[in-house]
Amino acid sequence: MAKFNEFRYELLPHLAYWPDLASYDFFLFPNLKKWFGGKRFITREQLIAEIDAYFERLDKSYYSDGLKKLENRWIKCIELKGDYVKK
């Protein structure tokens, strides 16, 4: 907390999970879940290697496009004053 005070950061409360605003649920993990569908791993290392392979095969545009869509969703949510945003 000393560093927060030193840099005059304001500690904000953590909001409850909100699917409209969660970046990991919006574009990052749903496709990863599909890609892993039905796969089983014997070791932790195998799992990590598969995750690394998944993210390495994604083009940079995947991330930039996903973040742009997420930003638009955040803006829409603000405009709707927090009401549910349909995909």
PDB file of N, CA and C in Angstrom:
ATOM      1  N   MET A   1       0.816  -1.189   0.000  1.00  0.00           N
ATOM      2  CA  MET A   1       0.000   0.000   0.000  1.00  0.00           C
ATOM      3  C   MET A   1       0.860   1.253   0.000  1.00  0.00           C
ATOM      4  N   ALA A   2       2.078   1.140   0.494  1.00  0.00           N
ATOM      5  CA  ALA A   2       2.944   2.314   0.537  1.00  0.00           C
ATOM      6  C   ALA A   2       3.213   2.845  -0.867  1.00  0.00           C
ATOM      7  N   LYS A   3       3.439   1.935  -1.818  1.00  0.00           N
ATOM      8  CA  LYS A   3       3.687   2.357  -3.205  1.00  0.00           C
ATOM      9  C   LYS A   3       2.451   3.013  -3.804  1.00  0.00           C
ATOM     10  N   PHE A   4       1.275   2.502  -3.468  1.00  0.00           N
ATOM     11  CA  PHE A   4       0.039   3.130  -3.951  1.00  0.00           C
ATOM     12  C   PHE A   4      -0.029   4.575  -3.468  1.00  0.00           C
ATOM     13  N   ASN A   5       0.268   4.764  -2.195  1.00  0.00           N
ATOM     14  CA  ASN A   5       0.236   6.114  -1.634  1.00  0.00           C
ATOM     15  C   ASN A   5       1.334   6.984  -2.219  1.00  0.00           C
ATOM     16  N   GLU A   6       2.517   6.405  -2.388  1.00  0.00           N
ATOM     17  CA  GLU A   6       3.648   7.160  -2.933  1.00  0.00           C
ATOM     18  C   GLU A   6       3.342   7.683  -4.333  1.00  0.00           C
ATOM     19  N   PHE A   7       2.735   6.861  -5.162  1.00  0.00           N
ATOM     20  CA  PHE A   7       2.425   7.266  -6.533  1.00  0.00           C
ATOM     21  C   PHE A   7       1.026   7.866  -6.672  1.00  0.00           C
ATOM     22  N   ARG A   8       0.347   7.984  -5.536  1.00  0.00           N
ATOM     23  CA  ARG A   8      -1.001   8.569  -5.501  1.00  0.00           C
ATOM     24  C   ARG A   8      -1.995   7.803  -6.376  1.00  0.00           C
ATOM     25  N   TYR A   9      -1.833   6.484  -6.384  1.00  0.00           N
ATOM     26  CA  TYR A   9      -2.793   5.642  -7.087  1.00  0.00           C
ATOM     27  C   TYR A   9      -4.030   5.486  -6.219  1.00  0.00           C
ATOM     28  N   GLU A  10      -5.155   5.353  -6.869  1.00  0.00           N
ATOM     29  CA  GLU A  10      -6.393   5.097  -6.149  1.00  0.00           C
ATOM     30  C   GLU A  10      -6.731   3.622  -6.310  1.00  0.00           C
ATOM     31  N   LEU A  11      -6.857   2.933  -5.209  1.00  0.00           N
ATOM     32  CA  LEU A  11      -7.201   1.520  -5.232  1.00  0.00           C
ATOM     33  C   LEU A  11      -8.710   1.393  -5.402  1.00  0.00           C
ATOM     34  N   LEU A  12      -9.113   0.803  -6.516  1.00  0.00           N
ATOM     35  CA  LEU A  12     -10.531   0.655  -6.821  1.00  0.00           C
ATOM     36  C   LEU A  12     -11.011  -0.722  -6.396  1.00  0.00           C
ATOM     37  N   PRO A  13     -12.262  -0.842  -5.985  1.00  0.00           N
ATOM     38  CA  PRO A  13     -12.779  -2.158  -5.605  1.00  0.00           C
ATOM     39  C   PRO A  13     -12.897  -3.063  -6.828  1.00  0.00           C
ATOM     40  N   HIS A  14     -12.688  -4.345  -6.608  1.00  0.00           N
ATOM     41  CA  HIS A  14     -12.821  -5.319  -7.682  1.00  0.00           C
ATOM     42  C   HIS A  14     -14.305  -5.561  -7.923  1.00  0.00           C
ATOM     43  N   LEU A  15     -14.735  -5.381  -9.149  1.00  0.00           N
ATOM     44  CA  LEU A  15     -16.140  -5.581  -9.482  1.00  0.00           C
ATOM     45  C   LEU A  15     -16.462  -7.062  -9.600  1.00  0.00           C
ATOM     46  N   ALA A  16     -17.700  -7.377  -9.414  1.00  0.00           N
ATOM     47  CA  ALA A  16     -18.157  -8.748  -9.616  1.00  0.00           C
ATOM     48  C   ALA A  16     -17.942  -9.129 -11.079  1.00  0.00           C
ATOM     49  N   TYR A  17     -17.850 -10.416 -11.343  1.00  0.00           N
ATOM     50  CA  TYR A  17     -17.653 -10.893 -12.707  1.00  0.00           C
ATOM     51  C   TYR A  17     -18.774 -10.373 -13.599  1.00  0.00           C
ATOM     52  N   TRP A  18     -18.407  -9.850 -14.750  1.00  0.00           N
ATOM     53  CA  TRP A  18     -19.361  -9.285 -15.687  1.00  0.00           C
ATOM     54  C   TRP A  18     -18.973  -9.759 -17.079  1.00  0.00           C
ATOM     55  N   PRO A  19     -19.669 -10.737 -17.640  1.00  0.00           N
ATOM     56  CA  PRO A  19     -19.258 -11.333 -18.918  1.00  0.00           C
ATOM     57  C   PRO A  19     -19.119 -10.327 -20.055  1.00  0.00           C
ATOM     58  N   ASP A  20     -19.887  -9.251 -20.012  1.00  0.00           N
ATOM     59  CA  ASP A  20     -19.798  -8.246 -21.072  1.00  0.00           C
ATOM     60  C   ASP A  20     -18.450  -7.543 -21.086  1.00  0.00           C
ATOM     61  N   LEU A  21     -17.806  -7.483 -19.934  1.00  0.00           N
ATOM     62  CA  LEU A  21     -16.590  -6.687 -19.817  1.00  0.00           C
ATOM     63  C   LEU A  21     -15.331  -7.511 -19.607  1.00  0.00           C
ATOM     64  N   ALA A  22     -15.453  -8.798 -19.447  1.00  0.00           N
ATOM     65  CA  ALA A  22     -14.298  -9.647 -19.172  1.00  0.00           C
ATOM     66  C   ALA A  22     -13.530  -9.939 -20.458  1.00  0.00           C
ATOM     67  N   SER A  23     -12.308  -9.435 -20.538  1.00  0.00           N
ATOM     68  CA  SER A  23     -11.517  -9.598 -21.761  1.00  0.00           C
ATOM     69  C   SER A  23     -11.196 -11.057 -22.045  1.00  0.00           C
ATOM     70  N   TYR A  24     -10.912 -11.823 -21.015  1.00  0.00           N
ATOM     71  CA  TYR A  24     -10.542 -13.219 -21.224  1.00  0.00           C
ATOM     72  C   TYR A  24     -11.717 -14.057 -21.700  1.00  0.00           C
ATOM     73  N   ASP A  25     -12.932 -13.694 -21.332  1.00  0.00           N
ATOM     74  CA  ASP A  25     -14.101 -14.448 -21.786  1.00  0.00           C
ATOM     75  C   ASP A  25     -14.608 -13.967 -23.133  1.00  0.00           C
ATOM     76  N   PHE A  26     -14.195 -12.795 -23.533  1.00  0.00           N
ATOM     77  CA  PHE A  26     -14.736 -12.215 -24.753  1.00  0.00           C
ATOM     78  C   PHE A  26     -14.116 -12.814 -26.011  1.00  0.00           C
ATOM     79  N   PHE A  27     -12.795 -12.829 -26.105  1.00  0.00           N
ATOM     80  CA  PHE A  27     -12.191 -13.349 -27.332  1.00  0.00           C
ATOM     81  C   PHE A  27     -11.026 -14.296 -27.089  1.00  0.00           C
ATOM     82  N   LEU A  28     -10.447 -14.279 -25.926  1.00  0.00           N
ATOM     83  CA  LEU A  28      -9.223 -15.036 -25.715  1.00  0.00           C
ATOM     84  C   LEU A  28      -9.477 -16.507 -25.390  1.00  0.00           C
ATOM     85  N   PHE A  29     -10.279 -16.788 -24.394  1.00  0.00           N
ATOM     86  CA  PHE A  29     -10.428 -18.155 -23.931  1.00  0.00           C
ATOM     87  C   PHE A  29     -11.510 -18.987 -24.609  1.00  0.00           C
ATOM     88  N   PRO A  30     -12.601 -18.402 -25.121  1.00  0.00           N
ATOM     89  CA  PRO A  30     -13.588 -19.275 -25.777  1.00  0.00           C
ATOM     90  C   PRO A  30     -12.992 -20.112 -26.910  1.00  0.00           C
ATOM     91  N   ASN A  31     -12.146 -19.522 -27.732  1.00  0.00           N
ATOM     92  CA  ASN A  31     -11.518 -20.280 -28.821  1.00  0.00           C
ATOM     93  C   ASN A  31     -10.506 -21.287 -28.292  1.00  0.00           C
ATOM     94  N   LEU A  32      -9.814 -20.921 -27.230  1.00  0.00           N
ATOM     95  CA  LEU A  32      -8.865 -21.845 -26.612  1.00  0.00           C
ATOM     96  C   LEU A  32      -9.613 -23.063 -26.067  1.00  0.00           C
ATOM     97  N   LYS A  33     -10.760 -22.836 -25.452  1.00  0.00           N
ATOM     98  CA  LYS A  33     -11.569 -23.950 -24.935  1.00  0.00           C
ATOM     99  C   LYS A  33     -11.994 -24.879 -26.066  1.00  0.00           C
ATOM    100  N   LYS A  34     -12.389 -24.307 -27.197  1.00  0.00           N
ATOM    101  CA  LYS A  34     -12.778 -25.127 -28.354  1.00  0.00           C
ATOM    102  C   LYS A  34     -11.587 -25.933 -28.861  1.00  0.00           C
ATOM    103  N   TRP A  35     -10.431 -25.295 -28.938  1.00  0.00           N
ATOM    104  CA  TRP A  35      -9.227 -25.934 -29.450  1.00  0.00           C
ATOM    105  C   TRP A  35      -8.812 -27.107 -28.567  1.00  0.00           C
ATOM    106  N   PHE A  36      -9.003 -26.952 -27.245  1.00  0.00           N
ATOM    107  CA  PHE A  36      -8.633 -28.005 -26.306  1.00  0.00           C
ATOM    108  C   PHE A  36      -9.699 -29.081 -26.164  1.00  0.00           C
ATOM    109  N   GLY A  37     -10.856 -28.883 -26.750  1.00  0.00           N
ATOM    110  CA  GLY A  37     -11.989 -29.793 -26.582  1.00  0.00           C
ATOM    111  C   GLY A  37     -11.615 -31.259 -26.680  1.00  0.00           C
ATOM    112  N   GLY A  38     -11.790 -31.982 -25.592  1.00  0.00           N
ATOM    113  CA  GLY A  38     -11.559 -33.420 -25.570  1.00  0.00           C
ATOM    114  C   GLY A  38     -10.115 -33.852 -25.407  1.00  0.00           C
ATOM    115  N   LYS A  39      -9.168 -32.933 -25.445  1.00  0.00           N
ATOM    116  CA  LYS A  39      -7.758 -33.310 -25.288  1.00  0.00           C
ATOM    117  C   LYS A  39      -7.450 -33.589 -23.821  1.00  0.00           C
ATOM    118  N   ARG A  40      -6.563 -34.538 -23.600  1.00  0.00           N
ATOM    119  CA  ARG A  40      -6.121 -34.868 -22.242  1.00  0.00           C
ATOM    120  C   ARG A  40      -4.601 -34.803 -22.207  1.00  0.00           C
ATOM    121  N   PHE A  41      -4.086 -34.406 -21.061  1.00  0.00           N
ATOM    122  CA  PHE A  41      -2.645 -34.244 -20.912  1.00  0.00           C
ATOM    123  C   PHE A  41      -2.170 -35.036 -19.703  1.00  0.00           C
ATOM    124  N   ILE A  42      -1.067 -35.719 -19.888  1.00  0.00           N
ATOM    125  CA  ILE A  42      -0.493 -36.543 -18.821  1.00  0.00           C
ATOM    126  C   ILE A  42       0.264 -35.657 -17.834  1.00  0.00           C
ATOM    127  N   THR A  43       1.013 -34.709 -18.374  1.00  0.00           N
ATOM    128  CA  THR A  43       1.844 -33.868 -17.506  1.00  0.00           C
ATOM    129  C   THR A  43       1.489 -32.397 -17.676  1.00  0.00           C
ATOM    130  N   ARG A  44       1.885 -31.643 -16.685  1.00  0.00           N
ATOM    131  CA  ARG A  44       1.704 -30.188 -16.725  1.00  0.00           C
ATOM    132  C   ARG A  44       2.497 -29.595 -17.886  1.00  0.00           C
ATOM    133  N   GLU A  45       3.668 -30.139 -18.130  1.00  0.00           N
ATOM    134  CA  GLU A  45       4.528 -29.657 -19.208  1.00  0.00           C
ATOM    135  C   GLU A  45       3.859 -29.812 -20.571  1.00  0.00           C
ATOM    136  N   GLN A  46       3.157 -30.930 -20.767  1.00  0.00           N
ATOM    137  CA  GLN A  46       2.424 -31.137 -22.030  1.00  0.00           C
ATOM    138  C   GLN A  46       1.345 -30.074 -22.205  1.00  0.00           C
ATOM    139  N   LEU A  47       0.638 -29.790 -21.144  1.00  0.00           N
ATOM    140  CA  LEU A  47      -0.403 -28.769 -21.190  1.00  0.00           C
ATOM    141  C   LEU A  47       0.190 -27.407 -21.537  1.00  0.00           C
ATOM    142  N   ILE A  48       1.264 -27.046 -20.876  1.00  0.00           N
ATOM    143  CA  ILE A  48       1.909 -25.754 -21.132  1.00  0.00           C
ATOM    144  C   ILE A  48       2.408 -25.676 -22.566  1.00  0.00           C
ATOM    145  N   ALA A  49       2.986 -26.761 -23.068  1.00  0.00           N
ATOM    146  CA  ALA A  49       3.470 -26.783 -24.453  1.00  0.00           C
ATOM    147  C   ALA A  49       2.323 -26.583 -25.437  1.00  0.00           C
ATOM    148  N   GLU A  50       1.175 -27.199 -25.185  1.00  0.00           N
ATOM    149  CA  GLU A  50       0.008 -27.039 -26.062  1.00  0.00           C
ATOM    150  C   GLU A  50      -0.534 -25.615 -26.010  1.00  0.00           C
ATOM    151  N   ILE A  51      -0.571 -25.039 -24.818  1.00  0.00           N
ATOM    152  CA  ILE A  51      -1.031 -23.652 -24.687  1.00  0.00           C
ATOM    153  C   ILE A  51      -0.096 -22.719 -25.442  1.00  0.00           C
ATOM    154  N   ASP A  52       1.207 -22.916 -25.262  1.00  0.00           N
ATOM    155  CA  ASP A  52       2.187 -22.100 -25.990  1.00  0.00           C
ATOM    156  C   ASP A  52       1.998 -22.237 -27.493  1.00  0.00           C
ATOM    157  N   ALA A  53       1.809 -23.458 -27.966  1.00  0.00           N
ATOM    158  CA  ALA A  53       1.622 -23.696 -29.405  1.00  0.00           C
ATOM    159  C   ALA A  53       0.365 -22.998 -29.907  1.00  0.00           C
ATOM    160  N   TYR A  54      -0.697 -23.039 -29.122  1.00  0.00           N
ATOM    161  CA  TYR A  54      -1.947 -22.385 -29.516  1.00  0.00           C
ATOM    162  C   TYR A  54      -1.729 -20.884 -29.709  1.00  0.00           C
ATOM    163  N   PHE A  55      -1.131 -20.237 -28.715  1.00  0.00           N
ATOM    164  CA  PHE A  55      -0.962 -18.786 -28.792  1.00  0.00           C
ATOM    165  C   PHE A  55       0.078 -18.373 -29.834  1.00  0.00           C
ATOM    166  N   GLU A  56       1.076 -19.206 -30.063  1.00  0.00           N
ATOM    167  CA  GLU A  56       2.087 -18.884 -31.071  1.00  0.00           C
ATOM    168  C   GLU A  56       1.520 -18.931 -32.484  1.00  0.00           C
ATOM    169  N   ARG A  57       0.519 -19.753 -32.714  1.00  0.00           N
ATOM    170  CA  ARG A  57      -0.035 -19.868 -34.063  1.00  0.00           C
ATOM    171  C   ARG A  57      -0.994 -18.728 -34.400  1.00  0.00           C
ATOM    172  N   LEU A  58      -1.402 -17.959 -33.400  1.00  0.00           N
ATOM    173  CA  LEU A  58      -2.326 -16.852 -33.647  1.00  0.00           C
ATOM    174  C   LEU A  58      -1.594 -15.665 -34.259  1.00  0.00           C
ATOM    175  N   ASP A  59      -2.206 -15.076 -35.245  1.00  0.00           N
ATOM    176  CA  ASP A  59      -1.659 -13.891 -35.894  1.00  0.00           C
ATOM    177  C   ASP A  59      -1.842 -12.679 -34.977  1.00  0.00           C
ATOM    178  N   LYS A  60      -0.969 -11.694 -35.112  1.00  0.00           N
ATOM    179  CA  LYS A  60      -1.076 -10.477 -34.300  1.00  0.00           C
ATOM    180  C   LYS A  60      -2.431  -9.807 -34.471  1.00  0.00           C
ATOM    181  N   SER A  61      -3.006  -9.923 -35.658  1.00  0.00           N
ATOM    182  CA  SER A  61      -4.303  -9.287 -35.907  1.00  0.00           C
ATOM    183  C   SER A  61      -5.400  -9.905 -35.036  1.00  0.00           C
ATOM    184  N   TYR A  62      -5.237 -11.165 -34.642  1.00  0.00           N
ATOM    185  CA  TYR A  62      -6.220 -11.801 -33.762  1.00  0.00           C
ATOM    186  C   TYR A  62      -6.357 -11.001 -32.471  1.00  0.00           C
ATOM    187  N   TYR A  63      -5.216 -10.616 -31.915  1.00  0.00           N
ATOM    188  CA  TYR A  63      -5.222  -9.865 -30.661  1.00  0.00           C
ATOM    189  C   TYR A  63      -5.739  -8.445 -30.862  1.00  0.00           C
ATOM    190  N   SER A  64      -5.238  -7.767 -31.885  1.00  0.00           N
ATOM    191  CA  SER A  64      -5.662  -6.379 -32.100  1.00  0.00           C
ATOM    192  C   SER A  64      -7.143  -6.307 -32.454  1.00  0.00           C
ATOM    193  N   ASP A  65      -7.619  -7.222 -33.282  1.00  0.00           N
ATOM    194  CA  ASP A  65      -9.048  -7.240 -33.627  1.00  0.00           C
ATOM    195  C   ASP A  65      -9.901  -7.540 -32.395  1.00  0.00           C
ATOM    196  N   GLY A  66      -9.459  -8.496 -31.607  1.00  0.00           N
ATOM    197  CA  GLY A  66     -10.200  -8.850 -30.395  1.00  0.00           C
ATOM    198  C   GLY A  66     -10.272  -7.704 -29.410  1.00  0.00           C
ATOM    199  N   LEU A  67      -9.160  -6.985 -29.252  1.00  0.00           N
ATOM    200  CA  LEU A  67      -9.157  -5.851 -28.331  1.00  0.00           C
ATOM    201  C   LEU A  67     -10.012  -4.702 -28.845  1.00  0.00           C
ATOM    202  N   LYS A  68     -10.026  -4.499 -30.153  1.00  0.00           N
ATOM    203  CA  LYS A  68     -10.886  -3.455 -30.723  1.00  0.00           C
ATOM    204  C   LYS A  68     -12.358  -3.785 -30.492  1.00  0.00           C
ATOM    205  N   LYS A  69     -12.724  -5.044 -30.699  1.00  0.00           N
ATOM    206  CA  LYS A  69     -14.112  -5.462 -30.462  1.00  0.00           C
ATOM    207  C   LYS A  69     -14.480  -5.321 -28.989  1.00  0.00           C
ATOM    208  N   LEU A  70     -13.526  -5.660 -28.115  1.00  0.00           N
ATOM    209  CA  LEU A  70     -13.776  -5.535 -26.687  1.00  0.00           C
ATOM    210  C   LEU A  70     -13.954  -4.072 -26.299  1.00  0.00           C
ATOM    211  N   GLU A  71     -13.129  -3.203 -26.857  1.00  0.00           N
ATOM    212  CA  GLU A  71     -13.264  -1.770 -26.580  1.00  0.00           C
ATOM    213  C   GLU A  71     -14.641  -1.269 -27.012  1.00  0.00           C
ATOM    214  N   ASN A  72     -15.087  -1.695 -28.191  1.00  0.00           N
ATOM    215  CA  ASN A  72     -16.417  -1.301 -28.664  1.00  0.00           C
ATOM    216  C   ASN A  72     -17.508  -1.801 -27.720  1.00  0.00           C
ATOM    217  N   ARG A  73     -17.325  -3.001 -27.186  1.00  0.00           N
ATOM    218  CA  ARG A  73     -18.305  -3.540 -26.247  1.00  0.00           C
ATOM    219  C   ARG A  73     -18.312  -2.726 -24.957  1.00  0.00           C
ATOM    220  N   TRP A  74     -17.133  -2.333 -24.479  1.00  0.00           N
ATOM    221  CA  TRP A  74     -17.062  -1.508 -23.269  1.00  0.00           C
ATOM    222  C   TRP A  74     -17.780  -0.183 -23.487  1.00  0.00           C
ATOM    223  N   ILE A  75     -17.531   0.426 -24.646  1.00  0.00           N
ATOM    224  CA  ILE A  75     -18.176   1.704 -24.971  1.00  0.00           C
ATOM    225  C   ILE A  75     -19.693   1.530 -25.004  1.00  0.00           C
ATOM    226  N   LYS A  76     -20.143   0.456 -25.636  1.00  0.00           N
ATOM    227  CA  LYS A  76     -21.583   0.196 -25.724  1.00  0.00           C
ATOM    228  C   LYS A  76     -22.177   0.003 -24.331  1.00  0.00           C
ATOM    229  N   CYS A  77     -21.461  -0.705 -23.476  1.00  0.00           N
ATOM    230  CA  CYS A  77     -21.930  -0.942 -22.115  1.00  0.00           C
ATOM    231  C   CYS A  77     -22.036   0.380 -21.350  1.00  0.00           C
ATOM    232  N   ILE A  78     -21.072   1.269 -21.540  1.00  0.00           N
ATOM    233  CA  ILE A  78     -21.116   2.582 -20.895  1.00  0.00           C
ATOM    234  C   ILE A  78     -22.303   3.377 -21.412  1.00  0.00           C
ATOM    235  N   GLU A  79     -22.495   3.348 -22.725  1.00  0.00           N
ATOM    236  CA  GLU A  79     -23.623   4.074 -23.323  1.00  0.00           C
ATOM    237  C   GLU A  79     -24.965   3.554 -22.815  1.00  0.00           C
ATOM    238  N   LEU A  80     -25.041   2.245 -22.560  1.00  0.00           N
ATOM    239  CA  LEU A  80     -26.279   1.641 -22.064  1.00  0.00           C
ATOM    240  C   LEU A  80     -26.381   1.696 -20.540  1.00  0.00           C
ATOM    241  N   LYS A  81     -25.411   2.366 -19.929  1.00  0.00           N
ATOM    242  CA  LYS A  81     -25.372   2.522 -18.464  1.00  0.00           C
ATOM    243  C   LYS A  81     -25.379   1.172 -17.739  1.00  0.00           C
ATOM    244  N   GLY A  82     -24.625   0.235 -18.302  1.00  0.00           N
ATOM    245  CA  GLY A  82     -24.432  -1.050 -17.649  1.00  0.00           C
ATOM    246  C   GLY A  82     -25.421  -2.132 -18.009  1.00  0.00           C
ATOM    247  N   ASP A  83     -26.395  -1.827 -18.838  1.00  0.00           N
ATOM    248  CA  ASP A  83     -27.333  -2.866 -19.246  1.00  0.00           C
ATOM    249  C   ASP A  83     -26.613  -3.923 -20.074  1.00  0.00           C
ATOM    250  N   TYR A  84     -27.204  -5.098 -20.181  1.00  0.00           N
ATOM    251  CA  TYR A  84     -26.605  -6.215 -20.900  1.00  0.00           C
ATOM    252  C   TYR A  84     -26.346  -5.864 -22.363  1.00  0.00           C
ATOM    253  N   VAL A  85     -25.184  -6.259 -22.842  1.00  0.00           N
ATOM    254  CA  VAL A  85     -24.801  -6.022 -24.232  1.00  0.00           C
ATOM    255  C   VAL A  85     -24.847  -7.352 -24.959  1.00  0.00           C
ATOM    256  N   LYS A  86     -25.669  -7.452 -25.988  1.00  0.00           N
ATOM    257  CA  LYS A  86     -25.734  -8.688 -26.763  1.00  0.00           C
ATOM    258  C   LYS A  86     -24.540  -8.770 -27.687  1.00  0.00           C
ATOM    259  N   LYS A  87     -24.094  -9.999 -27.938  1.00  0.00           N
ATOM    260  CA  LYS A  87     -22.949 -10.215 -28.827  1.00  0.00           C
ATOM    261  C   LYS A  87     -23.332  -9.917 -30.247  1.00  0.00           C
TER     262      LYS A  87
END
